[in-house]
Amino acid sequence: MDYVIEKYGSNQVAQIITYGTMAAKSSIRDTARVLDLPLFDADRIAKLIPTMSKLGKIFGLSEKELASKFRAEDLEKVNELLNISEGDDLQAETVNLAVNPGRIG
């Protein structure tokens, strides 16, 4: 950055930063990898997430809101994902940490 400012002048240089969120399926797979959940289970859970959905949106909605937001086949998968999250096994821990990474610790 300093080189570019020195070469072109500070009035000709801008610094741009972007913020993003981790994709839902990637966050499940990455959390599963850290928790040593088998790859087969991680992929099965990740495939339950509808395309272009965010985990926070799925877990933050009532049953009625879920029903209005998702098609029937996606709603079945979402309900299975919600059921997994209510368990007390490694799969549930993976889903819950992917949804709320601030819980680590």
C-alpha atoms as a PDB file:
ATOM      1  CA  MET A   1       0.000   0.000   0.000  1.00  0.00           C
ATOM      2  CA  ASP A   2       2.801   2.387   0.921  1.00  0.00           C
ATOM      3  CA  TYR A   3       4.521   1.739  -2.410  1.00  0.00           C
ATOM      4  CA  VAL A   4       1.392   2.625  -4.387  1.00  0.00           C
ATOM      5  CA  ILE A   5       0.804   5.795  -2.343  1.00  0.00           C
ATOM      6  CA  GLU A   6       4.418   6.828  -2.825  1.00  0.00           C
ATOM      7  CA  LYS A   7       4.353   6.113  -6.547  1.00  0.00           C
ATOM      8  CA  TYR A   8       0.964   7.667  -7.434  1.00  0.00           C
ATOM      9  CA  GLY A   9       0.239  10.036  -4.534  1.00  0.00           C
ATOM     10  CA  SER A  10      -2.229   9.668  -1.685  1.00  0.00           C
ATOM     11  CA  ASN A  11      -4.962  11.590  -3.539  1.00  0.00           C
ATOM     12  CA  GLN A  12      -4.881   8.949  -6.293  1.00  0.00           C
ATOM     13  CA  VAL A  13      -5.103   5.859  -4.050  1.00  0.00           C
ATOM     14  CA  ALA A  14      -8.067   4.402  -2.188  1.00  0.00           C
ATOM     15  CA  GLN A  15      -8.274   1.425   0.082  1.00  0.00           C
ATOM     16  CA  ILE A  16     -11.322  -0.766  -0.318  1.00  0.00           C
ATOM     17  CA  ILE A  17     -12.498  -3.412   2.114  1.00  0.00           C
ATOM     18  CA  THR A  18     -15.312  -5.899   1.735  1.00  0.00           C
ATOM     19  CA  TYR A  19     -17.267  -7.796   4.326  1.00  0.00           C
ATOM     20  CA  GLY A  20     -18.957 -11.081   3.708  1.00  0.00           C
ATOM     21  CA  THR A  21     -20.610 -13.944   5.454  1.00  0.00           C
ATOM     22  CA  MET A  22     -19.636 -17.539   5.170  1.00  0.00           C
ATOM     23  CA  ALA A  23     -21.991 -19.567   3.037  1.00  0.00           C
ATOM     24  CA  ALA A  24     -24.261 -21.830   5.058  1.00  0.00           C
ATOM     25  CA  LYS A  25     -23.116 -25.107   3.520  1.00  0.00           C
ATOM     26  CA  SER A  26     -19.454 -24.138   3.861  1.00  0.00           C
ATOM     27  CA  SER A  27     -19.902 -23.201   7.500  1.00  0.00           C
ATOM     28  CA  ILE A  28     -21.404 -26.631   8.230  1.00  0.00           C
ATOM     29  CA  ARG A  29     -18.563 -28.422   6.455  1.00  0.00           C
ATOM     30  CA  ASP A  30     -15.849 -26.280   8.074  1.00  0.00           C
ATOM     31  CA  THR A  31     -17.337 -26.675  11.548  1.00  0.00           C
ATOM     32  CA  ALA A  32     -17.663 -30.423  10.993  1.00  0.00           C
ATOM     33  CA  ARG A  33     -14.005 -30.629   9.971  1.00  0.00           C
ATOM     34  CA  VAL A  34     -12.914 -28.864  13.167  1.00  0.00           C
ATOM     35  CA  LEU A  35     -15.113 -31.096  15.332  1.00  0.00           C
ATOM     36  CA  ASP A  36     -13.976 -34.272  13.511  1.00  0.00           C
ATOM     37  CA  LEU A  37     -17.476 -35.128  12.308  1.00  0.00           C
ATOM     38  CA  PRO A  38     -17.138 -37.688   9.485  1.00  0.00           C
ATOM     39  CA  LEU A  39     -17.248 -36.187   6.001  1.00  0.00           C
ATOM     40  CA  PHE A  40     -20.270 -38.310   5.061  1.00  0.00           C
ATOM     41  CA  ASP A  41     -22.305 -36.834   7.925  1.00  0.00           C
ATOM     42  CA  ALA A  42     -21.121 -33.292   7.180  1.00  0.00           C
ATOM     43  CA  ASP A  43     -22.156 -33.581   3.536  1.00  0.00           C
ATOM     44  CA  ARG A  44     -25.530 -35.057   4.479  1.00  0.00           C
ATOM     45  CA  ILE A  45     -26.221 -32.150   6.840  1.00  0.00           C
ATOM     46  CA  ALA A  46     -24.983 -29.541   4.337  1.00  0.00           C
ATOM     47  CA  LYS A  47     -27.314 -30.946   1.674  1.00  0.00           C
ATOM     48  CA  LEU A  48     -30.275 -30.249   3.976  1.00  0.00           C
ATOM     49  CA  ILE A  49     -29.732 -26.502   3.589  1.00  0.00           C
ATOM     50  CA  PRO A  50     -31.786 -25.039   0.743  1.00  0.00           C
ATOM     51  CA  THR A  51     -29.825 -23.208  -1.942  1.00  0.00           C
ATOM     52  CA  MET A  52     -29.158 -19.534  -1.195  1.00  0.00           C
ATOM     53  CA  SER A  53     -30.322 -19.834   2.415  1.00  0.00           C
ATOM     54  CA  LYS A  54     -28.556 -18.444   5.444  1.00  0.00           C
ATOM     55  CA  LEU A  55     -28.473 -20.503   8.604  1.00  0.00           C
ATOM     56  CA  GLY A  56     -29.512 -17.578  10.778  1.00  0.00           C
ATOM     57  CA  LYS A  57     -32.621 -17.067   8.662  1.00  0.00           C
ATOM     58  CA  ILE A  58     -33.632 -20.717   8.930  1.00  0.00           C
ATOM     59  CA  PHE A  59     -33.166 -20.892  12.678  1.00  0.00           C
ATOM     60  CA  GLY A  60     -34.705 -17.512  13.350  1.00  0.00           C
ATOM     61  CA  LEU A  61     -38.123 -18.238  11.822  1.00  0.00           C
ATOM     62  CA  SER A  62     -41.326 -19.722  13.220  1.00  0.00           C
ATOM     63  CA  GLU A  63     -42.893 -22.829  11.658  1.00  0.00           C
ATOM     64  CA  LYS A  64     -45.452 -20.653   9.876  1.00  0.00           C
ATOM     65  CA  GLU A  65     -42.749 -18.375   8.446  1.00  0.00           C
ATOM     66  CA  LEU A  66     -40.710 -21.401   7.344  1.00  0.00           C
ATOM     67  CA  ALA A  67     -43.752 -22.866   5.594  1.00  0.00           C
ATOM     68  CA  SER A  68     -44.339 -19.638   3.688  1.00  0.00           C
ATOM     69  CA  LYS A  69     -40.682 -19.219   2.737  1.00  0.00           C
ATOM     70  CA  PHE A  70     -39.775 -22.717   1.512  1.00  0.00           C
ATOM     71  CA  ARG A  71     -41.259 -25.153  -0.975  1.00  0.00           C
ATOM     72  CA  ALA A  72     -42.537 -28.465   0.411  1.00  0.00           C
ATOM     73  CA  GLU A  73     -39.413 -30.484  -0.456  1.00  0.00           C
ATOM     74  CA  ASP A  74     -37.115 -27.815   0.994  1.00  0.00           C
ATOM     75  CA  LEU A  75     -39.297 -27.518   4.079  1.00  0.00           C
ATOM     76  CA  GLU A  76     -38.821 -31.236   4.789  1.00  0.00           C
ATOM     77  CA  LYS A  77     -35.047 -30.765   4.657  1.00  0.00           C
ATOM     78  CA  VAL A  78     -35.206 -27.655   6.862  1.00  0.00           C
ATOM     79  CA  ASN A  79     -37.286 -29.524   9.433  1.00  0.00           C
ATOM     80  CA  GLU A  80     -34.763 -32.383   9.429  1.00  0.00           C
ATOM     81  CA  LEU A  81     -31.970 -29.838   9.957  1.00  0.00           C
ATOM     82  CA  LEU A  82     -33.884 -28.295  12.863  1.00  0.00           C
ATOM     83  CA  ASN A  83     -34.418 -31.758  14.377  1.00  0.00           C
ATOM     84  CA  ILE A  84     -30.692 -32.502  14.129  1.00  0.00           C
ATOM     85  CA  SER A  85     -29.903 -29.242  15.917  1.00  0.00           C
ATOM     86  CA  GLU A  86     -32.119 -30.222  18.856  1.00  0.00           C
ATOM     87  CA  GLY A  87     -30.083 -33.347  19.595  1.00  0.00           C
ATOM     88  CA  ASP A  88     -27.133 -33.697  21.938  1.00  0.00           C
ATOM     89  CA  ASP A  89     -24.667 -35.466  19.660  1.00  0.00           C
ATOM     90  CA  LEU A  90     -21.772 -34.291  17.493  1.00  0.00           C
ATOM     91  CA  GLN A  91     -24.083 -33.558  14.560  1.00  0.00           C
ATOM     92  CA  ALA A  92     -26.193 -31.231  16.713  1.00  0.00           C
ATOM     93  CA  GLU A  93     -23.082 -29.517  18.056  1.00  0.00           C
ATOM     94  CA  THR A  94     -21.834 -29.016  14.500  1.00  0.00           C
ATOM     95  CA  VAL A  95     -25.080 -27.415  13.344  1.00  0.00           C
ATOM     96  CA  ASN A  96     -25.425 -25.243  16.436  1.00  0.00           C
ATOM     97  CA  LEU A  97     -21.849 -23.967  16.267  1.00  0.00           C
ATOM     98  CA  ALA A  98     -22.204 -23.252  12.537  1.00  0.00           C
ATOM     99  CA  VAL A  99     -25.361 -21.251  13.265  1.00  0.00           C
ATOM    100  CA  ASN A 100     -23.905 -19.410  16.249  1.00  0.00           C
ATOM    101  CA  PRO A 101     -20.089 -19.464  16.203  1.00  0.00           C
ATOM    102  CA  GLY A 102     -19.983 -17.061  19.172  1.00  0.00           C
ATOM    103  CA  ARG A 103     -20.943 -19.994  21.407  1.00  0.00           C
ATOM    104  CA  ILE A 104     -17.460 -21.514  21.156  1.00  0.00           C
ATOM    105  CA  GLY A 105     -15.670 -21.689  24.427  1.00  0.00           C
END
